[in-house]
Amino acid sequence: MVQRALRGEEEAFDELVVSHERRIWALAYQIVGNAEDAREIAQEVFLRVHQHLKSYDPARPFSSWLYRIAVNCTYDFLRKRPDHDALDDILEPDRDLRLAAPLEDPDAGLAGREIRSVLRHALRRLTPMERTVFLLRDVEGMPTREISFVIKCTAVTVRRHSSNARLKLRAALGRHLPHLRPDKDRS
């Protein structure tokens, strides 16, 4: 499909959009927390993909190149709206955050809504880069190597951001969900 789009087949490009638009919208939504803003970002992503498709390197996975554009567009959007608290609605009360690696026995802690509320507040404490790495790695299930390409840094840096994000989330969640605390912190 990508090769056909590279040859200029608009139908193939349309298929690319259809096959990736939901995931791109979801990533943007999880970062900015607003459905309309996420739609706007997704449209901008596919506009840029169309404009720059010739610069795509077929030696790399198309999805990595696409996510790089999506992350850049999302950060561009956030920079243009510094007054907007992008995480206010990142997890709506009735919305499920699907983690690639599920939380340890969430039934032992608070009810689902309370967990999402606690997670929303914990995500606010992450830097934008930590949040992005967390979403790509733990929500999308993307491998470290692809994330390093997407956010333009080394694999070591990705692992550091991931570790920092997990430590901060575990600390914030551990206050409310005791089963997530490291053993040494339990009383």
N, C-alpha and C. Protein backbone atom coordinates (compact mmCIF):
# COMPACT_ATOMS: atom_id res chain seq x y z
N MET A 1 0.83 -1.18 0.00
CA MET A 1 0.00 0.00 0.00
C MET A 1 0.88 1.26 0.00
N VAL A 2 1.92 1.27 0.84
CA VAL A 2 2.82 2.43 0.91
C VAL A 2 3.52 2.62 -0.42
N GLN A 3 3.98 1.51 -1.01
CA GLN A 3 4.67 1.61 -2.30
C GLN A 3 3.75 2.18 -3.38
N ARG A 4 2.50 1.75 -3.37
CA ARG A 4 1.53 2.28 -4.34
C ARG A 4 1.30 3.77 -4.10
N ALA A 5 1.22 4.17 -2.83
CA ALA A 5 1.04 5.59 -2.52
C ALA A 5 2.26 6.39 -2.97
N LEU A 6 3.44 5.81 -2.79
CA LEU A 6 4.67 6.48 -3.23
C LEU A 6 4.68 6.70 -4.75
N ARG A 7 4.03 5.79 -5.48
CA ARG A 7 3.95 5.93 -6.94
C ARG A 7 2.87 6.94 -7.34
N GLY A 8 2.17 7.50 -6.35
CA GLY A 8 1.19 8.53 -6.65
C GLY A 8 -0.25 8.05 -6.75
N GLU A 9 -0.52 6.83 -6.38
CA GLU A 9 -1.89 6.31 -6.43
C GLU A 9 -2.69 6.87 -5.25
N GLU A 10 -3.61 7.77 -5.55
CA GLU A 10 -4.40 8.42 -4.50
C GLU A 10 -5.25 7.42 -3.73
N GLU A 11 -5.75 6.40 -4.41
CA GLU A 11 -6.55 5.38 -3.75
C GLU A 11 -5.74 4.66 -2.67
N ALA A 12 -4.47 4.40 -2.96
CA ALA A 12 -3.59 3.76 -1.98
C ALA A 12 -3.35 4.70 -0.79
N PHE A 13 -3.19 5.99 -1.07
CA PHE A 13 -3.01 6.94 0.03
C PHE A 13 -4.26 6.98 0.90
N ASP A 14 -5.44 6.98 0.26
CA ASP A 14 -6.69 6.96 1.02
C ASP A 14 -6.77 5.72 1.92
N GLU A 15 -6.30 4.58 1.41
CA GLU A 15 -6.28 3.35 2.21
C GLU A 15 -5.34 3.49 3.40
N LEU A 16 -4.20 4.15 3.19
CA LEU A 16 -3.26 4.41 4.29
C LEU A 16 -3.93 5.24 5.38
N VAL A 17 -4.64 6.27 4.95
CA VAL A 17 -5.32 7.14 5.91
C VAL A 17 -6.34 6.33 6.70
N VAL A 18 -7.18 5.58 6.00
CA VAL A 18 -8.22 4.80 6.67
C VAL A 18 -7.61 3.78 7.64
N SER A 19 -6.51 3.16 7.25
CA SER A 19 -5.93 2.12 8.11
C SER A 19 -5.19 2.69 9.33
N HIS A 20 -4.82 3.97 9.30
CA HIS A 20 -4.05 4.54 10.42
C HIS A 20 -4.75 5.68 11.16
N GLU A 21 -5.83 6.22 10.62
CA GLU A 21 -6.40 7.43 11.20
C GLU A 21 -6.88 7.26 12.63
N ARG A 22 -7.45 6.13 12.96
CA ARG A 22 -7.98 5.93 14.33
C ARG A 22 -6.84 5.95 15.35
N ARG A 23 -5.73 5.27 15.05
CA ARG A 23 -4.61 5.23 15.99
C ARG A 23 -3.95 6.59 16.13
N ILE A 24 -3.85 7.32 15.04
CA ILE A 24 -3.25 8.66 15.10
C ILE A 24 -4.15 9.59 15.90
N TRP A 25 -5.46 9.52 15.65
CA TRP A 25 -6.40 10.32 16.42
C TRP A 25 -6.29 9.96 17.90
N ALA A 26 -6.23 8.67 18.22
CA ALA A 26 -6.17 8.23 19.62
C ALA A 26 -4.91 8.74 20.31
N LEU A 27 -3.78 8.69 19.62
CA LEU A 27 -2.53 9.20 20.22
C LEU A 27 -2.66 10.70 20.50
N ALA A 28 -3.14 11.45 19.52
CA ALA A 28 -3.31 12.90 19.71
C ALA A 28 -4.29 13.17 20.84
N TYR A 29 -5.37 12.42 20.89
CA TYR A 29 -6.37 12.61 21.94
C TYR A 29 -5.77 12.34 23.32
N GLN A 30 -4.98 11.28 23.43
CA GLN A 30 -4.39 10.94 24.72
C GLN A 30 -3.39 11.99 25.18
N ILE A 31 -2.82 12.73 24.24
CA ILE A 31 -1.87 13.78 24.62
C ILE A 31 -2.58 15.10 24.89
N VAL A 32 -3.53 15.49 24.01
CA VAL A 32 -4.16 16.80 24.18
C VAL A 32 -5.46 16.75 24.97
N GLY A 33 -6.12 15.59 25.03
CA GLY A 33 -7.30 15.44 25.86
C GLY A 33 -8.57 16.04 25.32
N ASN A 34 -8.61 16.37 24.04
CA ASN A 34 -9.81 16.97 23.46
C ASN A 34 -10.06 16.34 22.09
N ALA A 35 -11.27 15.81 21.89
CA ALA A 35 -11.59 15.08 20.66
C ALA A 35 -11.49 15.96 19.42
N GLU A 36 -12.01 17.17 19.48
CA GLU A 36 -11.95 18.07 18.31
C GLU A 36 -10.52 18.45 17.98
N ASP A 37 -9.74 18.77 19.00
CA ASP A 37 -8.33 19.10 18.77
C ASP A 37 -7.60 17.90 18.17
N ALA A 38 -7.92 16.71 18.65
CA ALA A 38 -7.28 15.49 18.12
C ALA A 38 -7.64 15.28 16.66
N ARG A 39 -8.89 15.56 16.28
CA ARG A 39 -9.29 15.46 14.86
C ARG A 39 -8.50 16.44 14.01
N GLU A 40 -8.38 17.65 14.51
CA GLU A 40 -7.62 18.68 13.80
C GLU A 40 -6.16 18.25 13.62
N ILE A 41 -5.58 17.71 14.67
CA ILE A 41 -4.19 17.25 14.62
C ILE A 41 -4.06 16.10 13.62
N ALA A 42 -4.99 15.14 13.67
CA ALA A 42 -4.93 13.99 12.75
C ALA A 42 -5.03 14.45 11.30
N GLN A 43 -5.88 15.43 11.03
CA GLN A 43 -5.98 15.97 9.67
C GLN A 43 -4.65 16.59 9.24
N GLU A 44 -4.04 17.34 10.15
CA GLU A 44 -2.75 17.96 9.85
C GLU A 44 -1.68 16.88 9.61
N VAL A 45 -1.72 15.81 10.39
CA VAL A 45 -0.76 14.72 10.22
C VAL A 45 -0.85 14.16 8.80
N PHE A 46 -2.06 13.84 8.36
CA PHE A 46 -2.20 13.22 7.04
C PHE A 46 -1.96 14.21 5.91
N LEU A 47 -2.19 15.48 6.16
CA LEU A 47 -1.82 16.50 5.17
C LEU A 47 -0.30 16.52 5.02
N ARG A 48 0.42 16.51 6.14
CA ARG A 48 1.89 16.50 6.08
C ARG A 48 2.42 15.20 5.46
N VAL A 49 1.78 14.09 5.80
CA VAL A 49 2.20 12.81 5.21
C VAL A 49 2.06 12.89 3.69
N HIS A 50 0.94 13.42 3.22
CA HIS A 50 0.71 13.54 1.78
C HIS A 50 1.76 14.45 1.14
N GLN A 51 2.04 15.57 1.80
CA GLN A 51 3.01 16.53 1.26
C GLN A 51 4.44 15.99 1.25
N HIS A 52 4.77 15.15 2.21
CA HIS A 52 6.16 14.71 2.38
C HIS A 52 6.36 13.21 2.15
N LEU A 53 5.41 12.57 1.54
CA LEU A 53 5.50 11.13 1.33
C LEU A 53 6.77 10.72 0.59
N LYS A 54 7.21 11.55 -0.32
CA LYS A 54 8.43 11.24 -1.10
C LYS A 54 9.67 11.18 -0.20
N SER A 55 9.62 11.82 0.97
CA SER A 55 10.79 11.80 1.87
C SER A 55 10.79 10.58 2.79
N TYR A 56 9.75 9.75 2.73
CA TYR A 56 9.69 8.54 3.55
C TYR A 56 10.78 7.57 3.12
N ASP A 57 11.49 7.02 4.11
CA ASP A 57 12.56 6.04 3.86
C ASP A 57 11.98 4.63 4.02
N PRO A 58 11.79 3.91 2.91
CA PRO A 58 11.19 2.56 2.99
C PRO A 58 12.01 1.57 3.82
N ALA A 59 13.23 1.91 4.18
CA ALA A 59 14.03 1.02 5.04
C ALA A 59 13.50 1.01 6.47
N ARG A 60 12.71 1.99 6.83
CA ARG A 60 12.12 2.09 8.18
C ARG A 60 10.64 1.73 8.11
N PRO A 61 10.08 1.29 9.23
CA PRO A 61 8.64 1.01 9.23
C PRO A 61 7.84 2.30 8.97
N PHE A 62 6.83 2.19 8.13
CA PHE A 62 5.99 3.34 7.82
C PHE A 62 5.35 3.89 9.10
N SER A 63 4.92 2.98 9.98
CA SER A 63 4.24 3.43 11.20
C SER A 63 5.14 4.31 12.07
N SER A 64 6.43 4.02 12.11
CA SER A 64 7.36 4.85 12.89
C SER A 64 7.45 6.25 12.31
N TRP A 65 7.55 6.33 10.99
CA TRP A 65 7.61 7.63 10.31
C TRP A 65 6.31 8.40 10.56
N LEU A 66 5.19 7.70 10.46
CA LEU A 66 3.88 8.31 10.69
C LEU A 66 3.75 8.82 12.12
N TYR A 67 4.17 8.02 13.09
CA TYR A 67 4.09 8.45 14.49
C TYR A 67 5.01 9.64 14.76
N ARG A 68 6.14 9.69 14.10
CA ARG A 68 7.04 10.84 14.26
C ARG A 68 6.31 12.11 13.83
N ILE A 69 5.65 12.05 12.69
CA ILE A 69 4.89 13.20 12.20
C ILE A 69 3.77 13.53 13.18
N ALA A 70 3.09 12.51 13.68
CA ALA A 70 1.98 12.72 14.62
C ALA A 70 2.46 13.38 15.91
N VAL A 71 3.57 12.91 16.45
CA VAL A 71 4.11 13.52 17.68
C VAL A 71 4.52 14.96 17.42
N ASN A 72 5.18 15.21 16.30
CA ASN A 72 5.58 16.58 15.96
C ASN A 72 4.37 17.49 15.80
N CYS A 73 3.34 17.03 15.11
CA CYS A 73 2.13 17.84 14.93
C CYS A 73 1.45 18.12 16.27
N THR A 74 1.42 17.11 17.12
CA THR A 74 0.78 17.27 18.43
C THR A 74 1.55 18.28 19.28
N TYR A 75 2.87 18.18 19.29
CA TYR A 75 3.67 19.15 20.04
C TYR A 75 3.55 20.55 19.45
N ASP A 76 3.51 20.65 18.12
CA ASP A 76 3.30 21.95 17.48
C ASP A 76 1.98 22.55 17.95
N PHE A 77 0.95 21.72 17.99
CA PHE A 77 -0.37 22.17 18.44
C PHE A 77 -0.31 22.67 19.88
N LEU A 78 0.34 21.90 20.75
CA LEU A 78 0.43 22.30 22.16
C LEU A 78 1.23 23.58 22.34
N ARG A 79 2.27 23.77 21.54
CA ARG A 79 3.06 25.00 21.63
C ARG A 79 2.23 26.22 21.24
N LYS A 80 1.32 26.05 20.33
CA LYS A 80 0.48 27.16 19.89
C LYS A 80 -0.60 27.49 20.91
N ARG A 81 -0.86 26.59 21.86
CA ARG A 81 -1.91 26.80 22.85
C ARG A 81 -1.37 26.63 24.26
N PRO A 82 -0.45 27.50 24.67
CA PRO A 82 0.16 27.32 25.99
C PRO A 82 -0.82 27.51 27.15
N ASP A 83 -1.93 28.20 26.91
CA ASP A 83 -2.90 28.44 27.98
C ASP A 83 -3.82 27.24 28.20
N HIS A 84 -3.78 26.28 27.32
CA HIS A 84 -4.67 25.13 27.38
C HIS A 84 -4.05 24.03 28.22
N ASP A 85 -4.76 23.56 29.26
CA ASP A 85 -4.28 22.44 30.05
C ASP A 85 -4.62 21.17 29.30
N ALA A 86 -3.66 20.66 28.57
CA ALA A 86 -3.88 19.55 27.65
C ALA A 86 -4.33 18.27 28.34
N LEU A 87 -4.10 18.15 29.63
CA LEU A 87 -4.44 16.89 30.28
C LEU A 87 -5.73 16.94 31.09
N ASP A 88 -6.43 18.06 31.09
CA ASP A 88 -7.65 18.14 31.89
C ASP A 88 -8.61 17.00 31.61
N ASP A 89 -8.75 16.66 30.34
CA ASP A 89 -9.71 15.62 29.98
C ASP A 89 -9.05 14.41 29.35
N ILE A 90 -7.78 14.18 29.66
CA ILE A 90 -7.08 13.08 29.01
C ILE A 90 -7.77 11.74 29.27
N LEU A 91 -8.30 11.59 30.45
CA LEU A 91 -9.07 10.39 30.77
C LEU A 91 -10.44 10.82 31.27
N GLU A 92 -11.41 10.80 30.39
CA GLU A 92 -12.77 11.15 30.80
C GLU A 92 -13.24 10.09 31.79
N PRO A 93 -14.16 10.43 32.67
CA PRO A 93 -14.59 9.48 33.69
C PRO A 93 -15.07 8.14 33.12
N ASP A 94 -15.71 8.14 31.95
CA ASP A 94 -16.24 6.89 31.41
C ASP A 94 -15.37 6.29 30.32
N ARG A 95 -14.17 6.81 30.14
CA ARG A 95 -13.29 6.34 29.07
C ARG A 95 -12.28 5.35 29.63
N ASP A 96 -12.02 4.30 28.89
CA ASP A 96 -11.06 3.28 29.29
C ASP A 96 -9.70 3.58 28.71
N LEU A 97 -8.66 3.56 29.50
CA LEU A 97 -7.29 3.66 29.01
C LEU A 97 -6.79 2.23 28.89
N ARG A 98 -6.53 1.80 27.66
CA ARG A 98 -6.08 0.43 27.44
C ARG A 98 -4.57 0.39 27.49
N LEU A 99 -4.03 -0.19 28.52
CA LEU A 99 -2.58 -0.29 28.68
C LEU A 99 -2.07 -1.57 28.02
N ALA A 100 -0.90 -1.48 27.39
CA ALA A 100 -0.29 -2.67 26.80
C ALA A 100 0.08 -3.65 27.91
N ALA A 101 0.56 -3.13 29.03
CA ALA A 101 0.84 -3.96 30.20
C ALA A 101 -0.12 -3.52 31.29
N PRO A 102 -1.17 -4.29 31.59
CA PRO A 102 -2.20 -3.84 32.52
C PRO A 102 -1.66 -3.62 33.93
N LEU A 103 -2.35 -2.75 34.66
CA LEU A 103 -2.00 -2.49 36.05
C LEU A 103 -2.16 -3.78 36.86
N GLU A 104 -1.35 -3.92 37.89
CA GLU A 104 -1.44 -5.10 38.75
C GLU A 104 -2.77 -5.09 39.49
N ASP A 105 -3.56 -6.09 39.30
CA ASP A 105 -4.81 -6.33 40.01
C ASP A 105 -5.56 -5.05 40.41
N PRO A 106 -6.12 -4.31 39.42
CA PRO A 106 -6.79 -3.06 39.76
C PRO A 106 -8.01 -3.25 40.63
N ASP A 107 -8.58 -4.47 40.66
CA ASP A 107 -9.75 -4.71 41.50
C ASP A 107 -9.41 -4.63 42.98
N ALA A 108 -8.15 -4.83 43.34
CA ALA A 108 -7.75 -4.77 44.75
C ALA A 108 -7.72 -3.34 45.26
N GLY A 109 -7.69 -2.37 44.39
CA GLY A 109 -7.63 -0.97 44.79
C GLY A 109 -8.98 -0.30 44.63
N LEU A 110 -8.95 0.86 44.02
CA LEU A 110 -10.14 1.66 43.84
C LEU A 110 -10.95 1.19 42.64
N ALA A 111 -12.19 1.65 42.54
CA ALA A 111 -13.04 1.35 41.40
C ALA A 111 -12.45 1.99 40.15
N GLY A 112 -12.87 1.51 38.98
CA GLY A 112 -12.33 1.98 37.70
C GLY A 112 -12.31 3.48 37.52
N ARG A 113 -13.38 4.14 37.88
CA ARG A 113 -13.43 5.61 37.73
C ARG A 113 -12.40 6.30 38.60
N GLU A 114 -12.26 5.83 39.79
CA GLU A 114 -11.28 6.43 40.70
C GLU A 114 -9.86 6.20 40.20
N ILE A 115 -9.59 5.02 39.66
CA ILE A 115 -8.26 4.74 39.12
C ILE A 115 -7.96 5.69 37.97
N ARG A 116 -8.93 5.88 37.07
CA ARG A 116 -8.71 6.80 35.94
C ARG A 116 -8.49 8.23 36.43
N SER A 117 -9.21 8.63 37.46
CA SER A 117 -9.03 9.97 38.00
C SER A 117 -7.63 10.13 38.60
N VAL A 118 -7.21 9.13 39.36
CA VAL A 118 -5.87 9.17 39.95
C VAL A 118 -4.82 9.17 38.85
N LEU A 119 -5.02 8.34 37.82
CA LEU A 119 -4.07 8.27 36.71
C LEU A 119 -4.02 9.60 35.96
N ARG A 120 -5.16 10.23 35.77
CA ARG A 120 -5.20 11.54 35.10
C ARG A 120 -4.33 12.55 35.85
N HIS A 121 -4.48 12.58 37.15
CA HIS A 121 -3.68 13.52 37.95
C HIS A 121 -2.19 13.14 37.93
N ALA A 122 -1.91 11.85 37.94
CA ALA A 122 -0.51 11.40 37.88
C ALA A 122 0.12 11.75 36.54
N LEU A 123 -0.63 11.61 35.45
CA LEU A 123 -0.11 11.95 34.13
C LEU A 123 0.22 13.44 34.02
N ARG A 124 -0.51 14.27 34.74
CA ARG A 124 -0.24 15.71 34.73
C ARG A 124 1.15 16.03 35.26
N ARG A 125 1.65 15.17 36.12
CA ARG A 125 2.96 15.42 36.74
C ARG A 125 4.13 15.01 35.84
N LEU A 126 3.84 14.31 34.75
CA LEU A 126 4.90 13.90 33.83
C LEU A 126 5.26 15.05 32.90
N THR A 127 6.52 15.08 32.48
CA THR A 127 6.91 16.04 31.45
C THR A 127 6.25 15.60 30.14
N PRO A 128 6.12 16.50 29.16
CA PRO A 128 5.54 16.09 27.87
C PRO A 128 6.27 14.90 27.25
N MET A 129 7.60 14.87 27.36
CA MET A 129 8.36 13.76 26.78
C MET A 129 8.10 12.46 27.52
N GLU A 130 8.05 12.51 28.85
CA GLU A 130 7.75 11.30 29.63
C GLU A 130 6.36 10.79 29.29
N ARG A 131 5.41 11.71 29.17
CA ARG A 131 4.03 11.34 28.83
C ARG A 131 3.98 10.68 27.45
N THR A 132 4.69 11.27 26.49
CA THR A 132 4.70 10.72 25.13
C THR A 132 5.31 9.32 25.13
N VAL A 133 6.44 9.16 25.79
CA VAL A 133 7.08 7.84 25.84
C VAL A 133 6.16 6.84 26.54
N PHE A 134 5.54 7.24 27.63
CA PHE A 134 4.60 6.35 28.33
C PHE A 134 3.47 5.92 27.40
N LEU A 135 2.87 6.88 26.69
CA LEU A 135 1.76 6.56 25.79
C LEU A 135 2.20 5.64 24.66
N LEU A 136 3.35 5.94 24.06
CA LEU A 136 3.82 5.12 22.94
C LEU A 136 4.21 3.71 23.40
N ARG A 137 4.89 3.63 24.53
CA ARG A 137 5.40 2.34 24.98
C ARG A 137 4.34 1.52 25.71
N ASP A 138 3.69 2.12 26.69
CA ASP A 138 2.80 1.35 27.56
C ASP A 138 1.34 1.32 27.10
N VAL A 139 0.94 2.28 26.30
CA VAL A 139 -0.43 2.28 25.79
C VAL A 139 -0.46 1.70 24.38
N GLU A 140 0.43 2.19 23.51
CA GLU A 140 0.47 1.71 22.12
C GLU A 140 1.28 0.42 21.98
N GLY A 141 2.16 0.12 22.93
CA GLY A 141 2.97 -1.09 22.86
C GLY A 141 4.11 -1.01 21.86
N MET A 142 4.57 0.20 21.56
CA MET A 142 5.63 0.40 20.57
C MET A 142 6.99 0.02 21.17
N PRO A 143 7.84 -0.65 20.39
CA PRO A 143 9.18 -1.00 20.90
C PRO A 143 10.08 0.23 21.06
N THR A 144 11.05 0.11 21.94
CA THR A 144 11.98 1.20 22.26
C THR A 144 12.64 1.76 21.01
N ARG A 145 13.09 0.89 20.13
CA ARG A 145 13.80 1.34 18.92
C ARG A 145 12.92 2.25 18.06
N GLU A 146 11.65 1.88 17.91
CA GLU A 146 10.74 2.72 17.13
C GLU A 146 10.48 4.04 17.83
N ILE A 147 10.32 4.00 19.14
CA ILE A 147 10.08 5.23 19.90
C ILE A 147 11.27 6.17 19.74
N SER A 148 12.47 5.63 19.78
CA SER A 148 13.66 6.48 19.63
C SER A 148 13.66 7.18 18.28
N PHE A 149 13.19 6.50 17.24
CA PHE A 149 13.07 7.14 15.93
C PHE A 149 11.98 8.21 15.95
N VAL A 150 10.84 7.87 16.54
CA VAL A 150 9.69 8.78 16.56
C VAL A 150 10.02 10.08 17.27
N ILE A 151 10.68 10.00 18.44
CA ILE A 151 10.93 11.22 19.21
C ILE A 151 12.34 11.76 19.03
N LYS A 152 13.09 11.16 18.11
CA LYS A 152 14.42 11.65 17.73
C LYS A 152 15.40 11.67 18.90
N CYS A 153 15.56 10.53 19.55
CA CYS A 153 16.54 10.42 20.62
C CYS A 153 17.06 8.99 20.67
N THR A 154 18.03 8.74 21.52
CA THR A 154 18.61 7.40 21.61
C THR A 154 17.68 6.45 22.38
N ALA A 155 17.93 5.16 22.21
CA ALA A 155 17.16 4.16 22.95
C ALA A 155 17.39 4.31 24.45
N VAL A 156 18.59 4.69 24.84
CA VAL A 156 18.90 4.91 26.26
C VAL A 156 18.03 6.03 26.82
N THR A 157 17.87 7.10 26.04
CA THR A 157 17.03 8.22 26.47
C THR A 157 15.57 7.79 26.58
N VAL A 158 15.11 6.98 25.64
CA VAL A 158 13.73 6.47 25.71
C VAL A 158 13.54 5.67 26.99
N ARG A 159 14.49 4.78 27.28
CA ARG A 159 14.38 3.96 28.49
C ARG A 159 14.41 4.83 29.75
N ARG A 160 15.21 5.89 29.73
CA ARG A 160 15.27 6.80 30.89
C ARG A 160 13.93 7.51 31.07
N HIS A 161 13.36 8.03 29.97
CA HIS A 161 12.04 8.69 30.07
C HIS A 161 10.97 7.69 30.53
N SER A 162 11.04 6.48 30.01
CA SER A 162 10.07 5.45 30.39
C SER A 162 10.20 5.12 31.88
N SER A 163 11.42 4.95 32.32
CA SER A 163 11.67 4.64 33.73
C SER A 163 11.20 5.78 34.63
N ASN A 164 11.54 7.01 34.26
CA ASN A 164 11.10 8.17 35.05
C ASN A 164 9.58 8.25 35.10
N ALA A 165 8.93 8.04 33.95
CA ALA A 165 7.47 8.11 33.90
C ALA A 165 6.86 7.04 34.79
N ARG A 166 7.37 5.83 34.69
CA ARG A 166 6.82 4.74 35.50
C ARG A 166 7.05 4.98 36.99
N LEU A 167 8.23 5.48 37.35
CA LEU A 167 8.49 5.77 38.77
C LEU A 167 7.55 6.84 39.29
N LYS A 168 7.37 7.91 38.51
CA LYS A 168 6.47 8.99 38.93
C LYS A 168 5.03 8.50 39.02
N LEU A 169 4.60 7.71 38.04
CA LEU A 169 3.24 7.19 38.05
C LEU A 169 3.04 6.22 39.21
N ARG A 170 4.01 5.35 39.41
CA ARG A 170 3.91 4.39 40.52
C ARG A 170 3.84 5.12 41.86
N ALA A 171 4.66 6.17 42.03
CA ALA A 171 4.64 6.92 43.29
C ALA A 171 3.30 7.61 43.48
N ALA A 172 2.81 8.25 42.42
CA ALA A 172 1.53 8.96 42.53
C ALA A 172 0.38 7.97 42.73
N LEU A 173 0.39 6.88 42.00
CA LEU A 173 -0.67 5.89 42.13
C LEU A 173 -0.55 5.12 43.43
N GLY A 174 0.67 4.90 43.90
CA GLY A 174 0.90 4.13 45.11
C GLY A 174 0.27 4.74 46.35
N ARG A 175 0.16 6.07 46.35
CA ARG A 175 -0.49 6.73 47.48
C ARG A 175 -1.96 6.34 47.57
N HIS A 176 -2.55 6.02 46.42
CA HIS A 176 -3.98 5.69 46.37
C HIS A 176 -4.23 4.20 46.16
N LEU A 177 -3.24 3.52 45.60
CA LEU A 177 -3.37 2.09 45.31
C LEU A 177 -2.19 1.37 45.97
N PRO A 178 -2.31 1.00 47.22
CA PRO A 178 -1.18 0.46 47.98
C PRO A 178 -0.51 -0.75 47.33
N HIS A 179 -1.24 -1.54 46.56
CA HIS A 179 -0.63 -2.73 45.95
C HIS A 179 0.36 -2.36 44.85
N LEU A 180 0.42 -1.09 44.43
CA LEU A 180 1.38 -0.66 43.43
C LEU A 180 2.68 -0.15 44.04
N ARG A 181 2.70 0.04 45.35
CA ARG A 181 3.91 0.53 46.00
C ARG A 181 5.00 -0.52 45.97
N PRO A 182 6.25 -0.08 45.82
CA PRO A 182 7.35 -1.04 45.96
C PRO A 182 7.34 -1.59 47.38
N ASP A 183 7.82 -2.82 47.57
CA ASP A 183 7.80 -3.48 48.88
C ASP A 183 8.41 -2.64 49.98
N LYS A 184 9.50 -1.94 49.68
CA LYS A 184 10.18 -1.17 50.73
C LYS A 184 9.35 0.00 51.24
N ASP A 185 8.35 0.44 50.45
CA ASP A 185 7.52 1.57 50.86
C ASP A 185 6.30 1.13 51.66
N ARG A 186 6.03 -0.16 51.70
CA ARG A 186 4.83 -0.63 52.40
C ARG A 186 5.07 -0.62 53.90
N SER A 187 4.02 -0.25 54.63
CA SER A 187 4.17 -0.24 56.09
C SER A 187 3.35 -1.31 56.74
